Structure formats: C-alpha cells, structure tokens
Protein backbone atom coordinates (compact mmCIF):
# COMPACT_ATOMS: atom_id res chain seq x y z
CA UNK A 1 22.88 3.99 -2.81
CA UNK A 2 19.06 5.23 -1.39
CA UNK A 3 17.97 3.82 1.87
CA UNK A 4 14.40 1.70 1.83
CA UNK A 5 13.19 3.94 4.33
CA UNK A 6 14.04 6.92 2.15
CA UNK A 7 12.40 5.63 -0.85
CA UNK A 8 9.18 4.79 1.23
CA UNK A 9 9.27 8.40 2.51
CA UNK A 10 9.54 9.20 -1.22
CA UNK A 11 6.58 7.17 -2.45
CA UNK A 12 4.67 8.30 0.63
CA UNK A 13 5.17 11.61 -0.32
CA UNK A 14 4.06 11.09 -3.79
CA UNK A 15 1.01 9.53 -2.90
CA UNK A 16 0.00 12.67 -1.13
CA UNK A 17 1.58 15.32 -3.65
CA UNK A 18 0.29 13.44 -6.76
CA UNK A 19 -2.39 10.78 -6.02
CA UNK A 20 -4.13 12.95 -3.09
CA UNK A 21 -4.04 10.28 -0.51
CA UNK A 22 -3.66 12.94 2.40
CA UNK A 23 -3.93 12.44 5.94
CA UNK A 24 -7.39 13.64 5.73
CA UNK A 25 -8.56 11.35 3.33
CA UNK A 26 -6.76 8.45 5.28
CA UNK A 27 -8.60 9.23 8.12
CA UNK A 28 -11.84 7.70 6.47
CA UNK A 29 -9.68 4.03 6.35
CA UNK A 30 -10.72 2.66 9.92
CA UNK A 31 -11.51 -0.88 8.98
CA UNK A 32 -7.87 -1.60 8.17
CA UNK A 33 -7.59 -0.74 4.52
CA UNK A 34 -4.46 0.85 4.54
CA UNK A 35 -2.60 -2.38 5.91
CA UNK A 36 -4.69 -4.53 3.91
CA UNK A 37 -3.37 -3.12 0.62
CA UNK A 38 -0.04 -3.17 2.13
CA UNK A 39 -0.24 -6.70 2.84
CA UNK A 40 -1.35 -7.30 -0.70
CA UNK A 41 1.27 -5.17 -2.38
CA UNK A 42 4.39 -7.24 0.31
CA UNK A 43 2.70 -10.38 -0.31
CA UNK A 44 2.77 -10.65 -3.90
CA UNK A 45 5.67 -12.22 -5.06
CA UNK A 46 5.14 -14.97 -2.63
CA UNK A 47 1.15 -15.07 -3.23
CA UNK A 48 1.12 -14.84 -6.81
CA UNK A 49 2.68 -18.59 -6.85
CA UNK A 50 0.73 -20.27 -4.13
CA UNK A 51 -2.66 -18.66 -4.10
CA UNK A 52 -5.50 -18.47 -6.28
CA UNK A 53 -5.84 -15.33 -8.29
CA UNK A 54 -9.44 -14.90 -7.69
CA UNK A 55 -8.40 -14.23 -3.92
CA UNK A 56 -4.85 -12.25 -4.34
CA UNK A 57 -5.54 -10.83 -7.81
CA UNK A 58 -3.12 -11.01 -10.78
CA UNK A 59 -0.75 -8.78 -12.85
CA UNK A 60 -4.12 -6.58 -13.89
CA UNK A 61 -6.82 -6.98 -11.54
CA UNK A 62 -7.12 -7.29 -7.83
CA UNK A 63 -8.63 -10.16 -6.17
CA UNK A 64 -11.07 -10.50 -3.51
CA UNK A 65 -8.61 -9.34 -0.91
CA UNK A 66 -8.14 -6.17 -2.40
CA UNK A 67 -10.04 -3.18 0.01
CA UNK A 68 -10.41 -0.24 -2.74
CA UNK A 69 -11.87 -0.06 -5.96
CA UNK A 70 -10.21 -1.91 -8.72
CA UNK A 71 -8.78 1.06 -10.48
CA UNK A 72 -6.52 1.78 -7.21
CA UNK A 73 -4.53 -1.52 -7.76
CA UNK A 74 -1.74 -0.62 -9.57
CA UNK A 75 1.13 -3.58 -9.07
CA UNK A 76 4.48 -2.68 -10.80
CA UNK A 77 4.59 -4.32 -14.17
CA UNK A 78 8.74 -4.52 -14.26
CA UNK A 79 10.95 -7.51 -14.04
CA UNK A 80 12.21 -8.88 -10.98
CA UNK A 81 13.68 -7.44 -8.91
CA UNK A 82 13.08 -4.03 -9.48
CA UNK A 83 8.99 -4.52 -9.87
CA UNK A 84 9.36 -6.52 -6.40
CA UNK A 85 11.40 -3.76 -5.07
CA UNK A 86 8.35 -1.01 -6.17
CA UNK A 87 5.90 -3.13 -4.76
CA UNK A 88 7.20 -3.39 -1.39
CA UNK A 89 8.35 0.73 -1.54
CA UNK A 90 4.23 1.01 -1.95
CA UNK A 91 3.41 -1.54 0.80
CA UNK A 92 5.87 0.62 2.64
CA UNK A 93 4.47 3.76 2.15
CA UNK A 94 0.53 2.06 2.78
CA UNK A 95 2.07 0.71 6.31
CA UNK A 96 3.34 4.39 6.73
CA UNK A 97 0.26 6.02 6.08
CA UNK A 98 -1.59 4.08 8.41
CA UNK A 99 0.47 4.67 11.04
CA UNK A 100 0.12 8.14 10.59
CA UNK A 101 -3.74 7.64 10.66
CA UNK A 102 -3.49 5.82 13.98
CA UNK A 103 -1.21 8.48 15.58
CA UNK A 104 -3.72 11.31 14.53
CA UNK A 105 -6.32 9.07 16.22
CA UNK A 106 -4.32 8.72 19.40
CA UNK A 107 -3.42 12.41 19.37
CA UNK A 108 -7.01 13.21 19.11
CA UNK A 109 -8.11 11.09 22.06
CA UNK A 110 -5.88 12.76 24.30
CA UNK A 111 -7.15 16.10 23.75
C-alpha cells in the first residue's frame, strides 16, 4: 500500500509535469493562495455539510474563499472515501508547493 506522503509527492510532481505549476510559477503567490487552496480541499468534507456553499463552493464551482480562477477548482467527484482521499492528496501537494515557495524565499534572503 502506498503511504500518504508518497501520494502527495506523486501529486506534486504531476502538478509540475502535467499542469505546469512549477516553483517559478508558484513564486508569484505571495498572499497565501496555495495554502488557502489547500485548506479548501482539506476541509471540503467538513465544510460542505456545515457552511454555506456560497462561501466554500459546491461539487462543480468554488465559493468565495477559493483564491484562483474558478476553472482551477477541481474537487474529486469520486465516492467516499476515494474522493476524500483524492482531495486530501491535492491539499497535501498544495501545502508542499507553499513550503517549497517559502524555502526558496528564505534561501534567496540568505544570499
């Protein structure tokens, strides 16, 4: 069985290779956009039962909290638990991207 950290690393690599979300592109997100998107994916299972869809979105479109263009919102359409797992993998990959961005900022400041 594949571990969660491996699934997240694979998704992060897919985001780079397939979607083109490189560290250079991610460096433009300086207002916590990557973290905000990760939160949306991570909390969808909780939020969609408790908060207004206008705020958090629904199965096909994002809510007001989504930091990117609406077409970038791609929640899993799979049944539970597979859909939940997929959304958590996406959230983890977005957190990894934010960590890489912050580490690059820190490294550039030390030069």
